[in-house]
Amino acid sequence: MLIAKLPNSVYDARILHESTLFADFESRNKPQSGYILGHNGYMLHERLVTPVLNAQSQKEMAYNTAHCGT
């Protein structure tokens, strides 16, 4: 994701946080469905899904595989 006003050295999470996409998910009129896929460096959020760190169960591993494949 690129926002022209932010320099290249800015973290992905900050760019997302300052984007119109994130603003839409935070607004009163948020989209009815949809999720944002992020890597494990992103913050936890109800509409932002990240991989499970140190996946132990088959379900967690399957989730990480599906997340990565998406």
N, C-alpha and C. Protein backbone atom coordinates (compact mmCIF):
# COMPACT_ATOMS: atom_id res chain seq x y z
N MET A 1 0.85 -1.15 0.00
CA MET A 1 0.00 0.00 0.00
C MET A 1 0.91 1.23 0.00
N LEU A 2 0.61 2.19 -0.84
CA LEU A 2 1.45 3.37 -0.96
C LEU A 2 0.64 4.62 -0.69
N ILE A 3 1.14 5.45 0.18
CA ILE A 3 0.55 6.76 0.43
C ILE A 3 1.66 7.77 0.17
N ALA A 4 1.47 8.60 -0.82
CA ALA A 4 2.53 9.48 -1.31
C ALA A 4 3.08 10.42 -0.24
N LYS A 5 2.26 10.84 0.70
CA LYS A 5 2.73 11.81 1.70
C LYS A 5 3.65 11.20 2.76
N LEU A 6 3.73 9.86 2.82
CA LEU A 6 4.55 9.21 3.83
C LEU A 6 5.87 8.72 3.22
N PRO A 7 6.97 8.90 3.92
CA PRO A 7 8.26 8.46 3.38
C PRO A 7 8.38 6.93 3.35
N ASN A 8 9.32 6.42 2.55
CA ASN A 8 9.51 4.98 2.38
C ASN A 8 9.85 4.25 3.65
N SER A 9 10.39 4.92 4.65
CA SER A 9 10.84 4.24 5.86
C SER A 9 9.73 4.06 6.90
N VAL A 10 8.50 4.36 6.54
CA VAL A 10 7.38 4.25 7.47
C VAL A 10 6.92 2.79 7.55
N TYR A 11 6.58 2.33 8.75
CA TYR A 11 6.11 0.97 8.93
C TYR A 11 4.78 0.74 8.22
N ASP A 12 4.57 -0.49 7.73
CA ASP A 12 3.33 -0.85 7.06
C ASP A 12 2.10 -0.54 7.90
N ALA A 13 2.18 -0.83 9.20
CA ALA A 13 1.04 -0.62 10.08
C ALA A 13 0.63 0.86 10.14
N ARG A 14 1.59 1.75 10.11
CA ARG A 14 1.26 3.18 10.12
C ARG A 14 0.60 3.58 8.82
N ILE A 15 1.10 3.06 7.72
CA ILE A 15 0.51 3.36 6.42
C ILE A 15 -0.94 2.88 6.38
N LEU A 16 -1.16 1.65 6.87
CA LEU A 16 -2.53 1.14 6.92
C LEU A 16 -3.39 2.02 7.81
N HIS A 17 -2.90 2.36 8.98
CA HIS A 17 -3.67 3.15 9.94
C HIS A 17 -4.06 4.51 9.37
N GLU A 18 -3.26 5.07 8.49
CA GLU A 18 -3.54 6.38 7.92
C GLU A 18 -4.25 6.31 6.57
N SER A 19 -4.62 5.10 6.14
CA SER A 19 -5.26 4.94 4.84
C SER A 19 -6.77 5.14 4.90
N THR A 20 -7.36 5.42 3.75
CA THR A 20 -8.82 5.55 3.69
C THR A 20 -9.50 4.20 3.89
N LEU A 21 -8.84 3.12 3.51
CA LEU A 21 -9.39 1.79 3.73
C LEU A 21 -9.61 1.55 5.22
N PHE A 22 -8.60 1.83 6.01
CA PHE A 22 -8.71 1.64 7.46
C PHE A 22 -9.76 2.59 8.04
N ALA A 23 -9.81 3.81 7.54
CA ALA A 23 -10.80 4.78 8.01
C ALA A 23 -12.21 4.26 7.74
N ASP A 24 -12.42 3.62 6.59
CA ASP A 24 -13.73 3.04 6.29
C ASP A 24 -14.10 1.97 7.31
N PHE A 25 -13.15 1.11 7.67
CA PHE A 25 -13.43 0.05 8.63
C PHE A 25 -13.66 0.61 10.05
N GLU A 26 -13.15 1.78 10.33
CA GLU A 26 -13.31 2.39 11.64
C GLU A 26 -14.55 3.30 11.74
N SER A 27 -15.14 3.64 10.62
CA SER A 27 -16.24 4.60 10.61
C SER A 27 -17.55 3.99 11.10
N ARG A 28 -18.51 4.84 11.34
CA ARG A 28 -19.84 4.38 11.74
C ARG A 28 -20.50 3.57 10.63
N ASN A 29 -20.23 3.92 9.40
CA ASN A 29 -20.82 3.25 8.24
C ASN A 29 -19.85 2.24 7.65
N LYS A 30 -19.24 1.43 8.52
CA LYS A 30 -18.23 0.47 8.07
C LYS A 30 -18.84 -0.54 7.12
N PRO A 31 -18.01 -1.10 6.23
CA PRO A 31 -18.50 -2.11 5.29
C PRO A 31 -19.17 -3.27 6.05
N GLN A 32 -20.16 -3.87 5.44
CA GLN A 32 -20.88 -4.97 6.06
C GLN A 32 -20.05 -6.23 6.18
N SER A 33 -19.11 -6.41 5.28
CA SER A 33 -18.28 -7.62 5.31
C SER A 33 -16.89 -7.30 4.82
N GLY A 34 -16.00 -8.24 5.01
CA GLY A 34 -14.65 -8.09 4.51
C GLY A 34 -13.63 -8.01 5.63
N TYR A 35 -12.44 -8.43 5.29
CA TYR A 35 -11.32 -8.43 6.23
C TYR A 35 -10.08 -7.95 5.50
N ILE A 36 -9.14 -7.46 6.25
CA ILE A 36 -7.84 -7.08 5.73
C ILE A 36 -6.86 -8.15 6.20
N LEU A 37 -6.09 -8.71 5.28
CA LEU A 37 -5.07 -9.68 5.64
C LEU A 37 -3.77 -8.93 5.88
N GLY A 38 -3.11 -9.24 6.99
CA GLY A 38 -1.85 -8.60 7.30
C GLY A 38 -0.84 -9.60 7.81
N HIS A 39 0.42 -9.19 7.81
CA HIS A 39 1.45 -10.07 8.37
C HIS A 39 1.45 -9.89 9.89
N ASN A 40 2.26 -10.68 10.56
CA ASN A 40 2.21 -10.69 12.03
C ASN A 40 2.75 -9.43 12.68
N GLY A 41 3.20 -8.46 11.92
CA GLY A 41 3.65 -7.19 12.48
C GLY A 41 2.52 -6.20 12.69
N TYR A 42 1.33 -6.52 12.20
CA TYR A 42 0.20 -5.61 12.35
C TYR A 42 -0.46 -5.78 13.70
N MET A 43 -1.16 -4.72 14.13
CA MET A 43 -1.88 -4.73 15.39
C MET A 43 -3.13 -5.60 15.28
N LEU A 44 -3.65 -6.02 16.42
CA LEU A 44 -4.90 -6.77 16.42
C LEU A 44 -6.05 -5.82 16.18
N HIS A 45 -7.00 -6.27 15.38
CA HIS A 45 -8.16 -5.45 15.05
C HIS A 45 -9.26 -6.40 14.60
N GLU A 46 -10.51 -6.03 14.83
CA GLU A 46 -11.61 -6.93 14.51
C GLU A 46 -11.69 -7.25 13.02
N ARG A 47 -11.21 -6.40 12.15
CA ARG A 47 -11.28 -6.62 10.70
C ARG A 47 -9.92 -6.90 10.06
N LEU A 48 -8.89 -7.04 10.86
CA LEU A 48 -7.54 -7.29 10.37
C LEU A 48 -7.09 -8.64 10.90
N VAL A 49 -6.87 -9.59 10.01
CA VAL A 49 -6.46 -10.92 10.44
C VAL A 49 -5.00 -11.16 10.10
N THR A 50 -4.29 -11.73 11.06
CA THR A 50 -2.86 -12.01 10.92
C THR A 50 -2.61 -13.49 11.20
N PRO A 51 -1.45 -14.01 10.81
CA PRO A 51 -1.14 -15.41 11.11
C PRO A 51 -1.01 -15.65 12.61
N VAL A 52 -1.22 -16.91 13.00
CA VAL A 52 -1.03 -17.31 14.39
C VAL A 52 0.46 -17.55 14.59
N LEU A 53 1.05 -16.86 15.55
CA LEU A 53 2.46 -17.08 15.86
C LEU A 53 2.63 -18.40 16.60
N ASN A 54 3.66 -19.13 16.26
CA ASN A 54 3.94 -20.42 16.91
C ASN A 54 2.73 -21.34 16.91
N ALA A 55 2.16 -21.54 15.72
CA ALA A 55 0.98 -22.40 15.59
C ALA A 55 1.28 -23.79 16.13
N GLN A 56 0.38 -24.29 16.97
CA GLN A 56 0.57 -25.59 17.61
C GLN A 56 -0.42 -26.63 17.11
N SER A 57 -1.68 -26.25 16.98
CA SER A 57 -2.71 -27.22 16.61
C SER A 57 -2.83 -27.33 15.09
N GLN A 58 -3.49 -28.38 14.65
CA GLN A 58 -3.75 -28.57 13.21
C GLN A 58 -4.60 -27.42 12.68
N LYS A 59 -5.57 -26.95 13.47
CA LYS A 59 -6.43 -25.85 13.04
C LYS A 59 -5.62 -24.56 12.85
N GLU A 60 -4.71 -24.28 13.77
CA GLU A 60 -3.87 -23.09 13.65
C GLU A 60 -2.96 -23.19 12.43
N MET A 61 -2.40 -24.35 12.20
CA MET A 61 -1.53 -24.54 11.03
C MET A 61 -2.32 -24.42 9.74
N ALA A 62 -3.53 -24.99 9.72
CA ALA A 62 -4.39 -24.89 8.53
C ALA A 62 -4.78 -23.43 8.27
N TYR A 63 -5.08 -22.71 9.35
CA TYR A 63 -5.41 -21.28 9.23
C TYR A 63 -4.23 -20.52 8.62
N ASN A 64 -3.02 -20.75 9.14
CA ASN A 64 -1.85 -20.06 8.61
C ASN A 64 -1.61 -20.41 7.15
N THR A 65 -1.82 -21.65 6.76
CA THR A 65 -1.66 -22.06 5.37
C THR A 65 -2.66 -21.33 4.49
N ALA A 66 -3.92 -21.28 4.92
CA ALA A 66 -4.96 -20.58 4.16
C ALA A 66 -4.68 -19.08 4.09
N HIS A 67 -4.24 -18.51 5.20
CA HIS A 67 -3.92 -17.08 5.25
C HIS A 67 -2.80 -16.75 4.26
N CYS A 68 -1.76 -17.56 4.28
CA CYS A 68 -0.61 -17.36 3.40
C CYS A 68 -1.01 -17.54 1.93
N GLY A 69 -1.87 -18.52 1.68
CA GLY A 69 -2.29 -18.79 0.31
C GLY A 69 -3.23 -17.75 -0.27
N THR A 70 -3.85 -16.99 0.61
CA THR A 70 -4.79 -15.98 0.15
C THR A 70 -4.04 -14.74 -0.30
